[in-house]
């Protein structure tokens, strides 16, 4: 099985002043660096062996705080939605001046003026995700803290709107019925290699492929986009790093 740990970047200066960012380059605030370090407590515990980030510096800076000992791969498809004329605008102003369009955009339907269409974001995010899944064929399985068998685990640092677009494109959420991802929040997607039953009462949870790791790698390489969409399962959504830090320090 492949596990993808999706992390939104930490808080930026524009997040703190409630400005829409899109693809604008905005540095992490000190609070964002602290959030990324807290998220790293979870990420390191999952023993990922590969990482991916968007081209924007705030995702690189977030990944750097995880302390994983390896560099991420930059994927253009993981970038945030281009918000066009809204970039740099106060969120309150956009909600007032473009009331209906803003509501539609939050549902994953409306396109900001001169911005990127939501369907295009979904398409490129899913394409990037499917490539990441097939690339996991070249990874060695590593121990997992919440299963009794090893997983091929990767971590992906992207953005709030683009991550929700991915989850929607995989059929895992309805954007009109979920809250926004908080800064440095963690969501986890598991991708077993078949569409059959999974259960804690089955050997290795029902995810084992006959023939061992080599056979599993061949199955992974041969997965189609449609199969990856069908097999993907949302294990966790929007775990705040502040909540994680509080639990671990209790």
Protein backbone atom coordinates (compact mmCIF):
# COMPACT_ATOMS: atom_id res chain seq x y z
CA UNK A 1 0.00 0.00 0.00
CA UNK A 2 1.08 3.58 -0.65
CA UNK A 3 0.51 6.34 1.88
CA UNK A 4 0.58 10.01 0.86
CA UNK A 5 0.87 12.56 3.66
CA UNK A 6 -0.50 15.84 2.31
CA UNK A 7 0.58 18.96 4.22
CA UNK A 8 -0.54 22.50 3.58
CA UNK A 9 2.32 25.00 3.92
CA UNK A 10 2.68 26.90 7.19
CA UNK A 11 1.23 30.32 7.87
CA UNK A 12 2.58 33.23 5.81
CA UNK A 13 2.55 36.96 6.44
CA UNK A 14 -0.38 37.28 4.04
CA UNK A 15 -2.28 34.55 5.86
CA UNK A 16 -1.85 36.55 9.04
CA UNK A 17 -3.28 39.69 7.42
CA UNK A 18 -6.07 37.76 5.64
CA UNK A 19 -4.91 38.31 2.08
CA UNK A 20 -5.52 35.94 -0.82
CA UNK A 21 -2.22 34.52 -2.07
CA UNK A 22 -2.68 32.22 -5.03
CA UNK A 23 0.64 31.87 -6.84
CA UNK A 24 2.23 34.99 -5.32
CA UNK A 25 5.52 34.38 -3.53
CA UNK A 26 4.98 35.09 0.18
CA UNK A 27 7.41 33.96 2.88
CA UNK A 28 6.44 31.88 5.90
CA UNK A 29 5.89 33.84 9.10
CA UNK A 30 7.67 32.74 12.26
CA UNK A 31 4.37 31.16 13.29
CA UNK A 32 4.38 29.21 10.01
CA UNK A 33 7.85 27.85 10.67
CA UNK A 34 6.72 26.71 14.13
CA UNK A 35 3.62 25.06 12.62
CA UNK A 36 5.79 23.24 10.08
CA UNK A 37 8.06 21.95 12.85
CA UNK A 38 4.99 20.68 14.73
CA UNK A 39 3.68 18.96 11.60
CA UNK A 40 7.11 17.39 11.23
CA UNK A 41 6.52 15.43 14.45
CA UNK A 42 3.79 13.48 12.65
CA UNK A 43 5.58 13.33 9.30
CA UNK A 44 8.79 11.86 10.73
CA UNK A 45 6.79 9.27 12.67
CA UNK A 46 5.38 7.96 9.39
CA UNK A 47 8.90 7.35 7.98
CA UNK A 48 8.40 8.74 4.46
CA UNK A 49 11.15 7.94 1.98
CA UNK A 50 10.29 10.59 -0.65
CA UNK A 51 8.91 14.11 -0.67
CA UNK A 52 7.34 16.51 -3.15
CA UNK A 53 6.70 20.26 -3.06
CA UNK A 54 5.21 22.93 -5.30
CA UNK A 55 7.43 25.53 -7.00
CA UNK A 56 6.51 28.19 -4.42
CA UNK A 57 9.08 28.88 -1.72
CA UNK A 58 6.63 28.53 1.16
CA UNK A 59 6.24 24.81 0.44
CA UNK A 60 10.02 24.33 0.33
CA UNK A 61 10.39 26.20 3.63
CA UNK A 62 7.69 24.06 5.22
CA UNK A 63 9.32 20.82 4.05
CA UNK A 64 12.70 21.97 5.36
CA UNK A 65 11.27 22.09 8.89
CA UNK A 66 10.33 18.39 8.83
CA UNK A 67 13.96 17.34 9.35
CA UNK A 68 13.74 14.30 7.07
CA UNK A 69 17.35 14.30 5.88
CA UNK A 70 16.54 14.31 2.15
CA UNK A 71 15.52 16.94 -0.40
CA UNK A 72 12.06 17.04 -1.99
CA UNK A 73 11.22 16.89 -5.69
CA UNK A 74 9.57 20.04 -7.04
CA UNK A 75 6.46 19.38 -9.14
CA UNK A 76 4.85 22.27 -11.07
CA UNK A 77 1.45 20.56 -10.92
CA UNK A 78 1.31 20.98 -7.13
CA UNK A 79 1.25 24.80 -7.28
CA UNK A 80 -1.63 26.78 -5.79
CA UNK A 81 -4.51 28.01 -7.95
CA UNK A 82 -3.78 31.23 -9.83
CA UNK A 83 -6.24 33.72 -8.32
CA UNK A 84 -5.74 36.40 -10.93
CA UNK A 85 -7.02 39.82 -9.84
CA UNK A 86 -7.68 38.54 -6.33
CA UNK A 87 -4.04 37.92 -5.45
CA UNK A 88 -3.03 40.28 -2.66
CA UNK A 89 -6.63 41.33 -2.03
CA UNK A 90 -8.03 41.21 1.48
CA UNK A 91 -10.35 38.23 1.86
CA UNK A 92 -13.07 40.46 3.33
CA UNK A 93 -12.90 42.73 0.27
CA UNK A 94 -13.24 39.80 -2.14
CA UNK A 95 -16.22 38.46 -0.15
CA UNK A 96 -17.89 41.88 -0.37
CA UNK A 97 -17.02 42.98 -3.92
CA UNK A 98 -17.50 39.55 -5.51
CA UNK A 99 -20.04 38.06 -3.10
CA UNK A 100 -21.62 35.42 -5.33
CA UNK A 101 -18.43 34.58 -7.22
CA UNK A 102 -16.50 34.20 -3.97
CA UNK A 103 -19.11 31.76 -2.61
CA UNK A 104 -18.95 29.81 -5.86
CA UNK A 105 -15.14 29.75 -5.77
CA UNK A 106 -15.10 28.37 -2.23
CA UNK A 107 -17.28 25.51 -3.50
CA UNK A 108 -14.71 24.78 -6.20
CA UNK A 109 -16.87 26.12 -9.01
CA UNK A 110 -16.24 29.85 -9.63
CA UNK A 111 -13.16 31.25 -11.38
CA UNK A 112 -11.55 34.41 -9.95
CA UNK A 113 -11.24 37.28 -12.48
CA UNK A 114 -8.26 36.50 -14.78
CA UNK A 115 -7.57 33.42 -12.64
CA UNK A 116 -7.28 29.68 -13.21
CA UNK A 117 -10.39 27.60 -13.68
CA UNK A 118 -11.09 25.16 -10.79
CA UNK A 119 -11.36 22.23 -13.21
CA UNK A 120 -7.83 22.92 -14.43
CA UNK A 121 -6.54 22.81 -10.85
CA UNK A 122 -8.27 19.49 -10.25
CA UNK A 123 -6.87 18.03 -13.45
CA UNK A 124 -3.24 18.98 -12.82
CA UNK A 125 -3.34 18.02 -9.14
CA UNK A 126 -4.74 14.56 -9.89
CA UNK A 127 -2.20 14.11 -12.68
CA UNK A 128 0.64 15.00 -10.29
CA UNK A 129 -0.76 12.69 -7.61
CA UNK A 130 -1.03 9.73 -9.99
CA UNK A 131 2.58 10.26 -11.04
CA UNK A 132 3.64 10.30 -7.39
CA UNK A 133 1.77 7.05 -6.75
CA UNK A 134 3.39 5.26 -9.69
CA UNK A 135 6.77 6.66 -8.65
CA UNK A 136 6.36 4.92 -5.29
CA UNK A 137 7.19 1.66 -7.08
CA UNK A 138 10.85 2.65 -6.72
CA UNK A 139 10.62 3.21 -2.95
CA UNK A 140 11.45 0.73 -0.23
CA UNK A 141 8.55 0.07 2.17
CA UNK A 142 9.17 1.53 5.63
CA UNK A 143 7.66 0.85 9.07
CA UNK A 144 4.33 2.49 9.89
CA UNK A 145 3.23 3.39 13.43
CA UNK A 146 -0.45 2.55 12.88
CA UNK A 147 -0.20 -0.68 10.87
CA UNK A 148 1.64 -3.92 11.55
CA UNK A 149 3.09 -3.96 8.03
CA UNK A 150 5.41 -1.65 6.07
CA UNK A 151 4.14 0.98 3.63
CA UNK A 152 5.59 2.97 0.75
CA UNK A 153 5.17 6.45 2.22
CA UNK A 154 5.66 9.90 0.68
CA UNK A 155 4.97 13.43 1.91
CA UNK A 156 3.57 16.17 -0.32
CA UNK A 157 3.61 19.86 0.66
CA UNK A 158 1.17 21.93 -1.35
CA UNK A 159 -1.52 24.55 -0.74
CA UNK A 160 -5.02 24.86 0.69
CA UNK A 161 -7.14 25.26 -2.43
CA UNK A 162 -5.06 22.91 -4.58
CA UNK A 163 -5.07 20.17 -1.93
CA UNK A 164 -8.85 20.37 -1.63
CA UNK A 165 -9.03 20.22 -5.44
CA UNK A 166 -6.97 17.01 -5.33
CA UNK A 167 -9.18 15.41 -2.70
CA UNK A 168 -12.27 16.33 -4.68
CA UNK A 169 -10.74 15.04 -7.91
CA UNK A 170 -10.11 11.70 -6.19
CA UNK A 171 -13.74 11.59 -5.07
CA UNK A 172 -12.78 11.84 -1.38
CA UNK A 173 -14.50 15.11 -0.40
CA UNK A 174 -17.19 17.50 -1.55
CA UNK A 175 -15.66 20.96 -1.25
CA UNK A 176 -19.01 22.53 -0.51
CA UNK A 177 -19.28 20.44 2.68
CA UNK A 178 -15.80 20.71 4.25
CA UNK A 179 -13.97 23.46 6.09
CA UNK A 180 -10.84 25.08 4.70
CA UNK A 181 -7.50 23.48 5.49
CA UNK A 182 -5.68 25.26 8.30
CA UNK A 183 -2.03 26.29 8.02
CA UNK A 184 0.33 23.26 8.02
CA UNK A 185 -2.66 20.92 8.40
CA UNK A 186 -2.11 17.24 7.63
CA UNK A 187 -4.36 15.04 5.52
CA UNK A 188 -3.54 11.43 4.69
CA UNK A 189 -4.50 9.39 1.63
CA UNK A 190 -3.96 5.63 1.52
CA UNK A 191 -3.85 3.86 -1.83
CA UNK A 192 -4.14 0.07 -1.58
CA UNK A 193 -3.33 -1.82 -4.77
CA UNK A 194 -6.74 -3.35 -5.35
CA UNK A 195 -10.37 -2.44 -4.96
CA UNK A 196 -11.17 -5.37 -2.69
CA UNK A 197 -11.98 -5.38 1.02
CA UNK A 198 -9.61 -3.98 3.64
CA UNK A 199 -9.93 -5.08 7.24
CA UNK A 200 -7.82 -5.30 10.38
CA UNK A 201 -8.91 -8.94 10.64
CA UNK A 202 -7.26 -9.81 7.30
CA UNK A 203 -3.53 -10.58 6.99
CA UNK A 204 -1.69 -7.28 6.44
CA UNK A 205 -5.08 -5.58 6.42
CA UNK A 206 -5.97 -7.16 3.09
CA UNK A 207 -3.44 -5.06 1.16
CA UNK A 208 -0.86 -7.78 0.44
CA UNK A 209 0.00 -8.62 -3.16
CA UNK A 210 1.15 -12.17 -3.98
CA UNK A 211 4.83 -12.27 -4.93
CA UNK A 212 6.27 -9.82 -2.42
CA UNK A 213 7.78 -6.35 -2.86
CA UNK A 214 8.96 -6.88 -6.46
CA UNK A 215 5.52 -7.99 -7.60
CA UNK A 216 3.97 -5.09 -5.70
CA UNK A 217 6.28 -2.64 -7.50
CA UNK A 218 5.16 -3.98 -10.88
CA UNK A 219 1.51 -3.56 -9.91
CA UNK A 220 2.19 0.02 -8.82
CA UNK A 221 3.93 0.90 -12.09
CA UNK A 222 0.98 -0.46 -14.03
CA UNK A 223 -1.76 1.42 -12.17
CA UNK A 224 -3.92 3.60 -14.40
CA UNK A 225 -5.20 7.00 -13.32
CA UNK A 226 -8.68 5.50 -13.11
CA UNK A 227 -7.50 2.72 -10.80
CA UNK A 228 -5.68 5.17 -8.53
CA UNK A 229 -8.83 7.29 -8.25
CA UNK A 230 -10.90 4.21 -7.46
CA UNK A 231 -8.51 2.81 -4.86
CA UNK A 232 -7.66 6.05 -3.00
CA UNK A 233 -9.07 6.31 0.53
CA UNK A 234 -9.05 9.34 2.84
CA UNK A 235 -7.54 8.28 6.14
CA UNK A 236 -7.36 11.71 7.79
CA UNK A 237 -8.39 15.28 6.95
CA UNK A 238 -7.15 18.61 8.30
CA UNK A 239 -5.17 17.62 11.41
CA UNK A 240 -4.00 20.95 12.84
CA UNK A 241 -0.32 21.02 13.91
CA UNK A 242 -1.33 22.93 17.04
CA UNK A 243 -3.64 20.07 18.06
CA UNK A 244 -0.90 17.55 17.29
CA UNK A 245 1.66 19.47 19.36
CA UNK A 246 -0.74 19.79 22.29
CA UNK A 247 -1.51 16.05 22.28
CA UNK A 248 2.15 15.05 22.10
CA UNK A 249 3.13 17.41 24.91
CA UNK A 250 0.30 16.33 27.23
